[in-house]
Amino acid sequence: MAISGNATTAEGLPADFVRIFSWPTSELVGVAVPDESGDWSHVLPLSGEYGLTYIAAGCQPITHGPYFVEGTGDPHWGNVVALLHFDGDLTDETGRVWTGSGAFSYVSGQFGLGFKSSGGQVSTPASPDLDLSTGDFTIECFINLTGTSGLRALLSSGVQNWATGNIYILVDGSNRLEIGSFVDGLIWLSSATLPSSGAFHFCLERLAGALRLFVDGVLVDSELSGAAINLSTNGTRIGVNSNNVNPFSGVIDELRITKGVARYTEDFTSPTLPFPGSGPA
């Protein structure tokens, strides 16, 4: 559902912009620019209470709210190439087929159940949709790390035979995010550490050539990198490295991959509902 309104000054001119924020946390979630008549709208896919601040040059900002908005869809649904809820099965809302092998289970997650590897994995065949290449993308999920040492693979592709394009995304023994390739070596080792206990929203994205790491909506690290992030080589795996080692020690829930879009341009409020499996109604 879109939140909308009309924002004009006493002289009848449109406001310069409207800031939309989460009422409970005061965190900015979006900005809308009114048209010549002052009309504006902004899609909010997540239900919740929101506030509005109208801002115009030479005028005192005016804040209204809270307004409860019932979200009904994802404005970037057309760019989503994978969305798994792990609610007791491997259903992907995009229609992609995943299969499980080895030891894994469904345990309590952020929303319902989540995926926990005990050396097993979830995989899908190679697909060009999962070649994120050198452009913008967003990989996000909820994570609860239960191990505190060793390498723990979140996503990987290819096999460990130095094949072109394979990639791995994992957490190292110091709880830092590591991205690498068996061809190009280390792509990025984050200086920030991930929480060692409790569930948190994890987001790895690339925006205009910069890899960015968000934890619970807060940007904690960023580094310029134009390296290709291609997850399709010989298939994509969740919960294990490309040579079937380094199982993910913890719980993964609500895994969503968005191709061509960096969803978050600044700090944001962590999602409070499962990711929607359709576009805005």
Protein backbone atom coordinates (compact mmCIF):
# COMPACT_ATOMS: atom_id res chain seq x y z
CA MET A 1 0.00 0.00 0.00
CA ALA A 2 1.18 3.53 -0.72
CA ILE A 3 0.97 6.31 1.81
CA SER A 4 0.08 9.61 0.12
CA GLY A 5 -0.95 13.18 0.76
CA ASN A 6 -0.70 16.78 -0.31
CA ALA A 7 2.04 19.08 0.96
CA THR A 8 1.86 22.78 0.08
CA THR A 9 2.99 26.02 1.69
CA ALA A 10 0.74 28.90 2.73
CA GLU A 11 1.50 30.41 -0.69
CA GLY A 12 0.20 27.28 -2.41
CA LEU A 13 3.63 26.06 -3.55
CA PRO A 14 4.59 22.39 -3.23
CA ALA A 15 6.84 21.38 -0.35
CA ASP A 16 10.40 20.50 -1.34
CA PHE A 17 10.12 16.98 0.02
CA VAL A 18 8.37 14.73 2.53
CA ARG A 19 10.35 12.58 4.95
CA ILE A 20 8.62 9.31 5.94
CA PHE A 21 9.89 7.74 9.15
CA SER A 22 9.10 4.88 11.49
CA TRP A 23 7.05 6.34 14.32
CA PRO A 24 8.29 3.89 17.00
CA THR A 25 12.00 4.37 16.20
CA SER A 26 12.15 7.77 14.41
CA GLU A 27 14.32 6.15 11.70
CA LEU A 28 13.96 7.45 8.14
CA VAL A 29 12.39 4.92 5.76
CA GLY A 30 11.78 7.03 2.66
CA VAL A 31 11.61 10.44 0.99
CA ALA A 32 8.92 11.63 -1.45
CA VAL A 33 9.06 14.69 -3.71
CA PRO A 34 5.65 16.34 -4.27
CA ASP A 35 4.50 17.21 -7.77
CA GLU A 36 3.55 20.73 -8.88
CA SER A 37 0.23 20.45 -7.05
CA GLY A 38 1.84 19.18 -3.85
CA ASP A 39 0.58 15.61 -4.29
CA TRP A 40 2.98 12.84 -3.28
CA SER A 41 3.01 9.12 -2.54
CA HIS A 42 5.45 6.48 -1.33
CA VAL A 43 5.16 2.68 -1.26
CA LEU A 44 5.63 1.10 2.18
CA PRO A 45 5.70 -2.70 1.80
CA LEU A 46 5.92 -3.31 5.55
CA SER A 47 2.98 -2.74 7.86
CA GLY A 48 3.56 -0.38 10.76
CA GLU A 49 3.18 3.10 12.22
CA TYR A 50 4.74 5.93 10.26
CA GLY A 51 5.20 9.66 10.67
CA LEU A 52 5.58 12.40 8.06
CA THR A 53 7.61 15.60 8.06
CA TYR A 54 6.86 18.23 5.41
CA ILE A 55 9.88 20.37 4.54
CA ALA A 56 9.98 23.52 2.39
CA ALA A 57 12.55 26.29 2.08
CA GLY A 58 11.82 29.22 4.38
CA CYS A 59 9.17 27.31 6.32
CA GLN A 60 9.18 25.56 9.66
CA PRO A 61 9.10 21.76 9.19
CA ILE A 62 5.73 20.25 10.09
CA THR A 63 5.38 16.69 11.40
CA HIS A 64 2.21 14.59 11.35
CA GLY A 65 1.43 11.11 12.67
CA PRO A 66 1.38 8.39 13.58
CA TYR A 67 -0.40 6.74 10.64
CA PHE A 68 -0.83 2.98 10.48
CA VAL A 69 -0.05 1.61 7.02
CA GLU A 70 -0.92 -1.95 6.01
CA GLY A 71 1.82 -3.02 3.61
CA THR A 72 0.77 -5.33 0.78
CA GLY A 73 3.75 -5.88 -1.44
CA ASP A 74 7.35 -5.33 -2.45
CA PRO A 75 8.03 -2.36 -4.76
CA HIS A 76 11.13 -4.20 -6.08
CA TRP A 77 9.45 -7.57 -6.52
CA GLY A 78 10.38 -7.66 -10.22
CA ASN A 79 14.05 -7.69 -9.21
CA VAL A 80 13.81 -10.45 -6.60
CA VAL A 81 15.59 -13.59 -7.83
CA ALA A 82 15.26 -15.68 -4.64
CA LEU A 83 13.05 -15.53 -1.54
CA LEU A 84 12.97 -18.42 0.93
CA HIS A 85 11.07 -18.27 4.23
CA PHE A 86 12.27 -21.72 5.44
CA ASP A 87 8.93 -22.32 7.14
CA GLY A 88 9.35 -26.08 7.18
CA ASP A 89 10.11 -26.41 3.47
CA LEU A 90 12.23 -24.97 0.64
CA THR A 91 9.52 -23.01 -1.16
CA ASP A 92 10.93 -20.05 -3.07
CA GLU A 93 8.34 -17.32 -3.71
CA THR A 94 9.96 -16.60 -7.09
CA GLY A 95 9.33 -20.17 -8.25
CA ARG A 96 12.98 -21.20 -8.15
CA VAL A 97 13.48 -24.87 -7.19
CA TRP A 98 15.80 -25.71 -4.29
CA THR A 99 16.73 -29.12 -2.95
CA GLY A 100 18.29 -30.12 0.35
CA SER A 101 20.98 -32.69 1.04
CA GLY A 102 22.92 -33.80 4.07
CA ALA A 103 22.01 -32.93 7.64
CA PHE A 104 19.92 -29.82 8.18
CA SER A 105 16.77 -28.97 10.06
CA TYR A 106 14.09 -26.36 10.55
CA VAL A 107 14.27 -24.68 13.94
CA SER A 108 12.83 -21.56 15.53
CA GLY A 109 13.71 -18.52 13.41
CA GLN A 110 12.94 -14.83 13.26
CA PHE A 111 9.46 -15.43 11.81
CA GLY A 112 8.28 -18.97 12.41
CA LEU A 113 10.95 -21.47 11.40
CA GLY A 114 14.44 -21.03 9.99
CA PHE A 115 17.17 -23.13 8.35
CA LYS A 116 19.94 -24.71 10.43
CA SER A 117 22.77 -26.66 8.81
CA SER A 118 24.51 -29.56 10.53
CA GLY A 119 26.81 -30.09 7.57
CA GLY A 120 23.99 -30.20 5.03
CA GLN A 121 23.07 -27.71 2.35
CA VAL A 122 20.31 -26.28 0.19
CA SER A 123 21.07 -25.78 -3.50
CA THR A 124 19.54 -24.67 -6.79
CA PRO A 125 20.83 -25.27 -10.35
CA ALA A 126 22.84 -22.67 -12.24
CA SER A 127 20.78 -19.76 -13.54
CA PRO A 128 21.81 -16.45 -15.13
CA ASP A 129 19.31 -14.74 -12.82
CA LEU A 130 21.75 -15.34 -9.98
CA ASP A 131 24.66 -13.69 -11.79
CA LEU A 132 24.70 -10.42 -9.89
CA SER A 133 27.76 -9.40 -11.92
CA THR A 134 29.27 -5.98 -11.13
CA GLY A 135 26.01 -4.09 -10.61
CA ASP A 136 23.84 -3.20 -7.64
CA PHE A 137 22.29 -5.99 -5.57
CA THR A 138 20.92 -6.76 -2.12
CA ILE A 139 21.40 -10.02 -0.20
CA GLU A 140 19.58 -10.04 3.12
CA CYS A 141 18.30 -12.42 5.75
CA PHE A 142 17.99 -12.85 9.48
CA ILE A 143 20.89 -14.62 11.14
CA ASN A 144 21.46 -16.07 14.59
CA LEU A 145 25.08 -17.20 14.94
CA THR A 146 25.47 -20.13 17.32
CA GLY A 147 29.15 -20.86 16.69
CA THR A 148 32.03 -18.57 17.55
CA SER A 149 34.95 -20.02 15.64
CA GLY A 150 35.90 -21.28 12.21
CA LEU A 151 34.58 -20.37 8.77
CA ARG A 152 30.80 -20.51 8.34
CA ALA A 153 29.44 -20.29 4.80
CA LEU A 154 26.23 -18.38 4.15
CA LEU A 155 26.18 -18.60 0.33
CA SER A 156 28.49 -20.08 -2.28
CA SER A 157 28.61 -21.11 -5.92
CA GLY A 158 30.71 -23.35 -8.11
CA VAL A 159 33.11 -25.98 -6.90
CA GLN A 160 36.60 -25.66 -5.47
CA ASN A 161 38.38 -26.27 -8.76
CA TRP A 162 39.39 -22.68 -9.55
CA ALA A 163 36.50 -22.42 -11.99
CA THR A 164 35.84 -18.93 -13.31
CA GLY A 165 33.13 -17.01 -11.52
CA ASN A 166 32.62 -19.06 -8.38
CA ILE A 167 32.11 -17.13 -5.17
CA TYR A 168 31.74 -17.60 -1.46
CA ILE A 169 30.16 -15.41 1.22
CA LEU A 170 30.91 -16.49 4.76
CA VAL A 171 31.56 -15.46 8.35
CA ASP A 172 35.15 -15.96 9.50
CA GLY A 173 36.44 -17.05 12.90
CA SER A 174 36.36 -13.45 14.15
CA ASN A 175 32.72 -12.97 13.07
CA ARG A 176 33.69 -10.80 10.12
CA LEU A 177 32.03 -11.00 6.71
CA GLU A 178 34.31 -12.46 4.06
CA ILE A 179 33.66 -12.51 0.32
CA GLY A 180 36.04 -14.30 -1.99
CA SER A 181 36.58 -16.32 -5.14
CA PHE A 182 38.74 -19.32 -5.84
CA VAL A 183 39.87 -17.43 -8.93
CA ASP A 184 40.40 -13.88 -7.68
CA GLY A 185 41.10 -14.57 -4.00
CA LEU A 186 39.77 -12.32 -1.28
CA ILE A 187 37.30 -9.70 -2.51
CA TRP A 188 36.35 -8.13 0.82
CA LEU A 189 37.02 -8.81 4.48
CA SER A 190 34.87 -6.50 6.57
CA SER A 191 36.47 -4.69 9.48
CA ALA A 192 33.16 -4.81 11.37
CA THR A 193 32.16 -7.87 13.38
CA LEU A 194 28.76 -9.49 13.37
CA PRO A 195 26.86 -10.10 16.63
CA SER A 196 27.90 -13.36 18.30
CA SER A 197 24.52 -13.97 19.95
CA GLY A 198 20.91 -13.19 19.22
CA ALA A 199 19.14 -12.81 15.90
CA PHE A 200 19.88 -9.81 13.69
CA HIS A 201 19.01 -8.56 10.21
CA PHE A 202 21.97 -9.04 7.87
CA CYS A 203 22.25 -7.10 4.64
CA LEU A 204 25.05 -7.18 2.08
CA GLU A 205 24.49 -4.88 -0.85
CA ARG A 206 26.35 -3.03 -3.56
CA LEU A 207 25.41 0.55 -4.33
CA ALA A 208 27.18 2.41 -7.14
CA GLY A 209 30.31 0.29 -6.87
CA ALA A 210 30.50 0.15 -3.07
CA LEU A 211 29.95 -3.07 -1.13
CA ARG A 212 28.04 -2.21 2.05
CA LEU A 213 27.27 -4.20 5.19
CA PHE A 214 24.25 -3.37 7.36
CA VAL A 215 23.52 -4.97 10.73
CA ASP A 216 20.00 -4.40 12.07
CA GLY A 217 19.62 -1.52 9.64
CA VAL A 218 22.86 0.25 10.60
CA LEU A 219 25.64 0.67 8.04
CA VAL A 220 28.72 -0.80 9.76
CA ASP A 221 31.21 -1.08 6.89
CA SER A 222 31.68 -0.15 3.24
CA GLU A 223 34.36 -0.61 0.60
CA LEU A 224 34.61 0.16 -3.10
CA SER A 225 34.64 -3.02 -5.20
CA GLY A 226 33.67 -3.74 -8.78
CA ALA A 227 34.29 -7.48 -8.47
CA ALA A 228 31.71 -9.72 -10.11
CA ILE A 229 29.45 -11.47 -7.59
CA ASN A 230 28.11 -14.41 -9.58
CA LEU A 231 26.20 -17.00 -7.60
CA SER A 232 25.19 -19.26 -10.46
CA THR A 233 28.37 -21.14 -11.39
CA ASN A 234 27.50 -24.85 -11.09
CA GLY A 235 24.58 -23.84 -8.87
CA THR A 236 24.02 -21.82 -5.73
CA ARG A 237 24.35 -23.29 -2.23
CA ILE A 238 23.04 -22.09 1.11
CA GLY A 239 24.67 -23.11 4.35
CA VAL A 240 27.89 -24.68 3.05
CA ASN A 241 30.98 -23.66 1.11
CA SER A 242 31.50 -24.64 -2.53
CA ASN A 243 33.65 -27.62 -1.56
CA ASN A 244 31.00 -28.89 0.90
CA VAL A 245 32.83 -27.71 4.02
CA ASN A 246 32.43 -24.83 6.49
CA PRO A 247 28.74 -25.41 7.29
CA PHE A 248 26.89 -22.38 8.57
CA SER A 249 26.77 -22.59 12.36
CA GLY A 250 23.55 -20.82 13.22
CA VAL A 251 20.07 -20.16 11.90
CA ILE A 252 19.17 -18.45 8.62
CA ASP A 253 15.67 -17.09 8.06
CA GLU A 254 13.98 -14.99 5.35
CA LEU A 255 16.71 -15.14 2.71
CA ARG A 256 16.06 -12.67 -0.10
CA ILE A 257 18.30 -11.83 -3.08
CA THR A 258 17.46 -8.75 -5.15
CA LYS A 259 19.33 -8.23 -8.41
CA GLY A 260 19.98 -4.78 -9.85
CA VAL A 261 18.72 -2.87 -6.81
CA ALA A 262 20.46 -1.65 -3.66
CA ARG A 263 17.39 -1.43 -1.44
CA TYR A 264 18.89 0.66 1.34
CA THR A 265 20.63 3.97 0.64
CA GLU A 266 21.08 4.83 4.33
CA ASP A 267 20.31 3.43 7.79
CA PHE A 268 16.84 1.86 8.01
CA THR A 269 14.45 0.10 10.35
CA SER A 270 14.87 -3.69 10.31
CA PRO A 271 11.89 -5.54 8.81
CA THR A 272 9.27 -6.50 11.36
CA LEU A 273 7.35 -8.91 9.13
CA PRO A 274 8.31 -11.70 6.70
CA PHE A 275 9.31 -10.40 3.29
CA PRO A 276 6.30 -10.10 0.94
CA GLY A 277 6.17 -12.51 -1.98
CA SER A 278 4.51 -10.18 -4.48
CA GLY A 279 4.54 -6.63 -5.77
CA PRO A 280 2.43 -3.75 -4.41
CA ALA A 281 -1.32 -4.23 -4.80
